[in-house]
């Protein structure tokens, strides 16, 4: 059983995303989903007893090896110091809040340097961009949700009061979703 738990742990570590038992069994080359389910339960119990920074989390029948909530700030600090500078992060935050949004609107809010930020975000695959008239329509890419471990629905709920708190005015474009 320890070998199976080791395989499961390795698969969860490498994938970095939520996976259901069938997927895990497939990647571990284990034919019995029941055996994997039992091993997962044992592994979760072991992680719950540990005093470490990692845990195995379940959401809707899917599992993920991830940082415990009390250590999330460390990953935020690492991300901010390594991959995206503060202005690019701010541009990404505006795109996430207004998503989907027109590039022209983001540039108007963030200034001409935002062209470079958007290019960086596209190259790193955090946002997608498609031609829409004389501007581009920007959307968050799947990598954004995986990387920041965010569920789109939950993100929208979190952002629901941000506009009021920070006096972000809603434009007519925000009230209707741009056609895709």
Protein backbone atom coordinates (compact mmCIF):
# COMPACT_ATOMS: atom_id res chain seq x y z
CA UNK A 1 0.00 0.00 0.00
CA UNK A 2 2.91 2.38 0.72
CA UNK A 3 4.06 2.11 -2.91
CA UNK A 4 0.60 3.09 -4.12
CA UNK A 5 0.49 6.07 -1.74
CA UNK A 6 3.93 7.13 -2.98
CA UNK A 7 2.71 6.98 -6.58
CA UNK A 8 -0.41 8.98 -5.75
CA UNK A 9 1.67 11.60 -3.96
CA UNK A 10 4.04 11.85 -6.92
CA UNK A 11 1.16 12.22 -9.42
CA UNK A 12 -0.50 14.93 -7.32
CA UNK A 13 2.80 16.76 -6.89
CA UNK A 14 3.63 16.68 -10.60
CA UNK A 15 0.15 17.57 -11.86
CA UNK A 16 -0.39 20.58 -9.60
CA UNK A 17 -4.13 20.48 -10.30
CA UNK A 18 -7.28 18.83 -9.01
CA UNK A 19 -7.67 15.27 -10.27
CA UNK A 20 -10.37 12.67 -9.72
CA UNK A 21 -9.65 9.13 -8.52
CA UNK A 22 -9.97 7.66 -12.03
CA UNK A 23 -7.36 10.05 -13.42
CA UNK A 24 -5.01 9.32 -10.55
CA UNK A 25 -5.45 5.56 -10.99
CA UNK A 26 -4.76 5.94 -14.72
CA UNK A 27 -1.55 7.92 -14.19
CA UNK A 28 -0.40 5.47 -11.50
CA UNK A 29 -1.14 2.52 -13.80
CA UNK A 30 -3.38 0.96 -11.17
CA UNK A 31 -6.43 -0.87 -12.48
CA UNK A 32 -8.48 -0.79 -9.28
CA UNK A 33 -10.10 2.56 -8.53
CA UNK A 34 -11.12 1.18 -5.11
CA UNK A 35 -7.51 0.50 -4.15
CA UNK A 36 -6.56 4.04 -5.18
CA UNK A 37 -9.52 5.46 -3.22
CA UNK A 38 -8.43 3.56 -0.08
CA UNK A 39 -4.80 4.63 -0.51
CA UNK A 40 -5.93 8.24 -1.03
CA UNK A 41 -7.90 8.15 2.23
CA UNK A 42 -4.84 6.87 4.09
CA UNK A 43 -2.58 9.44 2.45
CA UNK A 44 -4.98 12.26 3.33
CA UNK A 45 -5.07 11.07 6.94
CA UNK A 46 -1.26 11.05 7.04
CA UNK A 47 -1.08 14.60 5.66
CA UNK A 48 -3.70 15.76 8.18
CA UNK A 49 -1.55 14.41 11.04
CA UNK A 50 1.66 16.02 9.74
CA UNK A 51 2.79 19.41 10.87
CA UNK A 52 3.97 20.38 7.42
CA UNK A 53 3.20 23.09 4.93
CA UNK A 54 1.45 20.79 2.45
CA UNK A 55 -1.91 19.09 2.49
CA UNK A 56 -4.10 17.00 0.23
CA UNK A 57 -7.31 18.87 -0.45
CA UNK A 58 -10.54 17.48 -1.85
CA UNK A 59 -13.10 19.45 -3.80
CA UNK A 60 -16.08 17.80 -5.45
CA UNK A 61 -14.45 14.39 -5.58
CA UNK A 62 -11.15 15.71 -6.90
CA UNK A 63 -7.85 15.87 -5.05
CA UNK A 64 -4.87 18.18 -5.09
CA UNK A 65 -1.58 18.40 -3.23
CA UNK A 66 -1.19 22.03 -2.28
CA UNK A 67 0.07 24.51 0.28
CA UNK A 68 -1.97 24.81 3.44
CA UNK A 69 -3.87 28.09 3.63
CA UNK A 70 -1.63 29.52 6.34
CA UNK A 71 1.36 29.30 3.95
CA UNK A 72 -0.28 30.76 0.82
CA UNK A 73 1.40 34.11 1.46
CA UNK A 74 4.76 32.49 0.73
CA UNK A 75 3.70 31.51 -2.77
CA UNK A 76 2.35 35.00 -3.38
CA UNK A 77 5.69 36.49 -2.36
CA UNK A 78 7.56 34.06 -4.61
CA UNK A 79 5.32 34.77 -7.59
CA UNK A 80 5.61 38.49 -7.11
CA UNK A 81 9.38 38.40 -6.82
CA UNK A 82 10.05 35.91 -9.61
CA UNK A 83 7.71 35.98 -12.53
CA UNK A 84 5.57 39.09 -12.69
CA UNK A 85 6.65 42.53 -11.58
CA UNK A 86 4.20 44.64 -9.58
CA UNK A 87 2.91 46.76 -12.51
CA UNK A 88 2.25 43.61 -14.58
CA UNK A 89 0.47 42.04 -11.62
CA UNK A 90 -1.68 45.15 -11.30
CA UNK A 91 -2.58 44.97 -14.99
CA UNK A 92 -3.45 41.28 -14.58
CA UNK A 93 -5.64 42.14 -11.59
CA UNK A 94 -7.56 44.72 -13.63
CA UNK A 95 -8.02 42.23 -16.47
CA UNK A 96 -9.22 39.61 -13.98
CA UNK A 97 -11.67 42.06 -12.41
CA UNK A 98 -13.11 43.30 -15.67
CA UNK A 99 -12.87 40.04 -17.62
CA UNK A 100 -13.56 39.88 -20.45
CA UNK A 101 -12.27 43.32 -21.25
CA UNK A 102 -11.11 45.32 -24.20
CA UNK A 103 -7.40 46.07 -24.44
CA UNK A 104 -8.14 49.73 -25.19
CA UNK A 105 -9.98 50.03 -21.87
CA UNK A 106 -7.09 48.44 -19.96
CA UNK A 107 -4.60 50.78 -21.65
CA UNK A 108 -6.79 53.74 -20.78
CA UNK A 109 -6.83 52.67 -17.12
CA UNK A 110 -3.21 51.51 -16.78
CA UNK A 111 -1.35 53.66 -19.32
CA UNK A 112 0.78 52.82 -22.36
CA UNK A 113 3.12 50.55 -20.37
CA UNK A 114 0.19 48.14 -20.12
CA UNK A 115 0.90 47.10 -23.73
CA UNK A 116 4.14 45.53 -22.45
CA UNK A 117 2.33 44.01 -19.47
CA UNK A 118 -0.32 42.46 -21.73
CA UNK A 119 2.35 41.10 -24.03
CA UNK A 120 4.13 39.49 -21.06
CA UNK A 121 0.85 38.05 -19.78
CA UNK A 122 0.06 36.62 -23.23
CA UNK A 123 3.55 35.11 -23.62
CA UNK A 124 3.28 33.53 -20.17
CA UNK A 125 -0.23 32.36 -21.13
CA UNK A 126 -2.11 34.04 -18.28
CA UNK A 127 -4.41 35.83 -20.74
CA UNK A 128 -5.69 35.24 -24.23
CA UNK A 129 -6.32 37.90 -26.77
CA UNK A 130 -8.44 38.01 -29.90
CA UNK A 131 -9.09 40.75 -32.41
CA UNK A 132 -12.31 42.66 -31.77
CA UNK A 133 -12.83 45.61 -34.08
CA UNK A 134 -9.96 48.06 -33.69
CA UNK A 135 -8.86 46.64 -30.35
CA UNK A 136 -8.43 43.22 -28.75
CA UNK A 137 -10.64 41.29 -26.37
CA UNK A 138 -8.67 40.04 -23.34
CA UNK A 139 -9.73 37.01 -21.32
CA UNK A 140 -8.14 35.02 -18.54
CA UNK A 141 -6.58 31.81 -19.80
CA UNK A 142 -6.89 28.43 -18.08
CA UNK A 143 -3.32 28.81 -16.81
CA UNK A 144 -4.42 31.78 -14.68
CA UNK A 145 -6.98 29.68 -12.81
CA UNK A 146 -4.60 26.72 -12.43
CA UNK A 147 -1.60 28.80 -11.43
CA UNK A 148 -3.37 30.91 -8.85
CA UNK A 149 -5.57 28.00 -7.75
CA UNK A 150 -8.74 29.98 -8.33
CA UNK A 151 -12.16 28.82 -9.47
CA UNK A 152 -13.73 31.32 -11.87
CA UNK A 153 -17.10 31.36 -10.11
CA UNK A 154 -15.49 31.95 -6.71
CA UNK A 155 -13.31 34.70 -8.16
CA UNK A 156 -16.38 36.54 -9.46
CA UNK A 157 -18.01 36.28 -6.03
CA UNK A 158 -14.85 37.68 -4.37
CA UNK A 159 -14.74 40.57 -6.84
CA UNK A 160 -18.42 41.42 -6.40
CA UNK A 161 -17.76 44.13 -3.79
CA UNK A 162 -14.36 45.33 -5.00
CA UNK A 163 -15.77 47.99 -7.31
CA UNK A 164 -17.60 49.67 -4.44
CA UNK A 165 -14.69 49.42 -2.03
CA UNK A 166 -12.13 50.92 -4.42
CA UNK A 167 -14.46 53.23 -6.33
CA UNK A 168 -14.07 51.33 -9.60
CA UNK A 169 -16.72 52.65 -11.91
CA UNK A 170 -18.59 50.27 -14.11
CA UNK A 171 -18.79 51.26 -17.75
CA UNK A 172 -21.53 50.33 -20.20
CA UNK A 173 -19.15 47.68 -21.61
CA UNK A 174 -18.98 46.01 -18.19
CA UNK A 175 -22.75 45.67 -17.97
CA UNK A 176 -22.94 43.58 -21.10
CA UNK A 177 -20.55 40.80 -21.96
CA UNK A 178 -18.76 41.45 -25.25
CA UNK A 179 -19.75 39.02 -27.94
CA UNK A 180 -17.28 36.25 -28.58
